[in-house]
């Protein structure tokens, strides 16, 4: 099965770079795993949107969209859970 390409929004890249290095490594490892399985166990489709999904990494949330036609995962946000849905 071919892998999906992972693309970051500029704001999501900045949010990831601002994290503590140990947390950033955990989050980045999970983001990289989305290339093989863009809908892993535990991911949820966000209500009120057509194509937004989220995964949990502790208190952090990664919000992303999936384009199956182009085999692309677009990371929109990497935020703490208190700020992720605002």
C-alpha atoms as a PDB file:
ATOM      1  CA  UNK A   1       0.000   0.000   0.000  1.00  0.00           C
ATOM      2  CA  UNK A   2       1.542   3.353  -1.016  1.00  0.00           C
ATOM      3  CA  UNK A   3       2.192   5.891   1.680  1.00  0.00           C
ATOM      4  CA  UNK A   4       0.445   9.216   2.073  1.00  0.00           C
ATOM      5  CA  UNK A   5       2.493  12.406   1.858  1.00  0.00           C
ATOM      6  CA  UNK A   6       2.358  14.632   4.935  1.00  0.00           C
ATOM      7  CA  UNK A   7       2.110  18.403   4.495  1.00  0.00           C
ATOM      8  CA  UNK A   8       2.101  20.998   7.291  1.00  0.00           C
ATOM      9  CA  UNK A   9       0.296  24.325   7.306  1.00  0.00           C
ATOM     10  CA  UNK A  10       2.755  27.097   8.214  1.00  0.00           C
ATOM     11  CA  UNK A  11       0.938  27.718  11.509  1.00  0.00           C
ATOM     12  CA  UNK A  12       0.994  24.016  12.419  1.00  0.00           C
ATOM     13  CA  UNK A  13       4.755  23.870  11.781  1.00  0.00           C
ATOM     14  CA  UNK A  14       5.271  26.876  14.093  1.00  0.00           C
ATOM     15  CA  UNK A  15       3.082  25.300  16.785  1.00  0.00           C
ATOM     16  CA  UNK A  16       5.114  22.080  16.601  1.00  0.00           C
ATOM     17  CA  UNK A  17       8.438  23.938  16.785  1.00  0.00           C
ATOM     18  CA  UNK A  18       7.235  25.859  19.863  1.00  0.00           C
ATOM     19  CA  UNK A  19       6.605  22.651  21.847  1.00  0.00           C
ATOM     20  CA  UNK A  20       8.959  21.232  24.455  1.00  0.00           C
ATOM     21  CA  UNK A  21      11.420  18.920  22.617  1.00  0.00           C
ATOM     22  CA  UNK A  22      10.259  15.733  24.357  1.00  0.00           C
ATOM     23  CA  UNK A  23       6.601  16.450  23.592  1.00  0.00           C
ATOM     24  CA  UNK A  24       7.472  17.506  20.030  1.00  0.00           C
ATOM     25  CA  UNK A  25       9.220  14.163  19.408  1.00  0.00           C
ATOM     26  CA  UNK A  26       6.155  12.236  20.625  1.00  0.00           C
ATOM     27  CA  UNK A  27       3.806  14.314  18.485  1.00  0.00           C
ATOM     28  CA  UNK A  28       6.045  14.100  15.414  1.00  0.00           C
ATOM     29  CA  UNK A  29       6.318  10.309  15.734  1.00  0.00           C
ATOM     30  CA  UNK A  30       2.511  10.037  15.678  1.00  0.00           C
ATOM     31  CA  UNK A  31       2.243  12.460  12.752  1.00  0.00           C
ATOM     32  CA  UNK A  32       4.767  10.397  10.778  1.00  0.00           C
ATOM     33  CA  UNK A  33       2.703   7.261  11.440  1.00  0.00           C
ATOM     34  CA  UNK A  34      -0.223   8.923   9.620  1.00  0.00           C
ATOM     35  CA  UNK A  35       1.641   8.307   6.342  1.00  0.00           C
ATOM     36  CA  UNK A  36       0.912   4.576   6.617  1.00  0.00           C
ATOM     37  CA  UNK A  37      -2.503   4.771   8.334  1.00  0.00           C
ATOM     38  CA  UNK A  38      -4.215   8.178   8.029  1.00  0.00           C
ATOM     39  CA  UNK A  39      -7.191   6.912  10.049  1.00  0.00           C
ATOM     40  CA  UNK A  40      -5.515   5.087  12.952  1.00  0.00           C
ATOM     41  CA  UNK A  41      -7.465   3.524  15.831  1.00  0.00           C
ATOM     42  CA  UNK A  42      -8.621   6.284  18.148  1.00  0.00           C
ATOM     43  CA  UNK A  43      -8.809   9.032  15.526  1.00  0.00           C
ATOM     44  CA  UNK A  44     -12.072  10.925  15.325  1.00  0.00           C
ATOM     45  CA  UNK A  45     -13.780  12.831  12.569  1.00  0.00           C
ATOM     46  CA  UNK A  46     -14.616  16.335  13.772  1.00  0.00           C
ATOM     47  CA  UNK A  47     -18.274  17.257  13.690  1.00  0.00           C
ATOM     48  CA  UNK A  48     -19.282  20.277  11.667  1.00  0.00           C
ATOM     49  CA  UNK A  49     -16.596  19.819   9.043  1.00  0.00           C
ATOM     50  CA  UNK A  50     -16.417  17.769   5.880  1.00  0.00           C
ATOM     51  CA  UNK A  51     -12.915  16.399   6.135  1.00  0.00           C
ATOM     52  CA  UNK A  52     -11.211  17.243   9.451  1.00  0.00           C
ATOM     53  CA  UNK A  53      -9.864  14.519  11.716  1.00  0.00           C
ATOM     54  CA  UNK A  54      -8.024  14.586  15.022  1.00  0.00           C
ATOM     55  CA  UNK A  55      -5.671  12.345  16.952  1.00  0.00           C
ATOM     56  CA  UNK A  56      -4.801  12.621  20.634  1.00  0.00           C
ATOM     57  CA  UNK A  57      -1.271  12.555  21.992  1.00  0.00           C
ATOM     58  CA  UNK A  58      -1.656  13.043  25.730  1.00  0.00           C
ATOM     59  CA  UNK A  59      -2.975  16.581  26.249  1.00  0.00           C
ATOM     60  CA  UNK A  60      -2.108  17.555  22.681  1.00  0.00           C
ATOM     61  CA  UNK A  61      -4.307  17.331  19.591  1.00  0.00           C
ATOM     62  CA  UNK A  62      -3.312  17.103  15.945  1.00  0.00           C
ATOM     63  CA  UNK A  63      -6.030  18.277  13.567  1.00  0.00           C
ATOM     64  CA  UNK A  64      -5.658  17.256   9.941  1.00  0.00           C
ATOM     65  CA  UNK A  65      -7.454  16.554   6.688  1.00  0.00           C
ATOM     66  CA  UNK A  66      -7.082  13.586   4.347  1.00  0.00           C
ATOM     67  CA  UNK A  67      -7.165  13.649   0.546  1.00  0.00           C
ATOM     68  CA  UNK A  68      -7.401  10.019  -0.581  1.00  0.00           C
ATOM     69  CA  UNK A  69      -7.240  10.932  -4.272  1.00  0.00           C
ATOM     70  CA  UNK A  70      -3.880  12.700  -3.948  1.00  0.00           C
ATOM     71  CA  UNK A  71      -2.780  10.448  -1.037  1.00  0.00           C
ATOM     72  CA  UNK A  72      -2.136  13.506   1.111  1.00  0.00           C
ATOM     73  CA  UNK A  73      -2.443  14.232   4.843  1.00  0.00           C
ATOM     74  CA  UNK A  74      -2.555  17.982   5.550  1.00  0.00           C
ATOM     75  CA  UNK A  75      -1.741  18.903   9.167  1.00  0.00           C
ATOM     76  CA  UNK A  76      -3.772  21.992  10.129  1.00  0.00           C
ATOM     77  CA  UNK A  77      -3.022  22.408  13.832  1.00  0.00           C
ATOM     78  CA  UNK A  78      -0.963  21.011  16.707  1.00  0.00           C
ATOM     79  CA  UNK A  79      -2.485  22.422  19.896  1.00  0.00           C
ATOM     80  CA  UNK A  80      -3.108  21.781  23.553  1.00  0.00           C
ATOM     81  CA  UNK A  81      -6.545  20.316  24.147  1.00  0.00           C
ATOM     82  CA  UNK A  82      -7.841  23.495  25.806  1.00  0.00           C
ATOM     83  CA  UNK A  83      -7.137  25.486  22.608  1.00  0.00           C
ATOM     84  CA  UNK A  84      -7.639  22.878  19.880  1.00  0.00           C
ATOM     85  CA  UNK A  85     -11.321  23.411  19.098  1.00  0.00           C
ATOM     86  CA  UNK A  86     -11.615  27.199  19.352  1.00  0.00           C
END
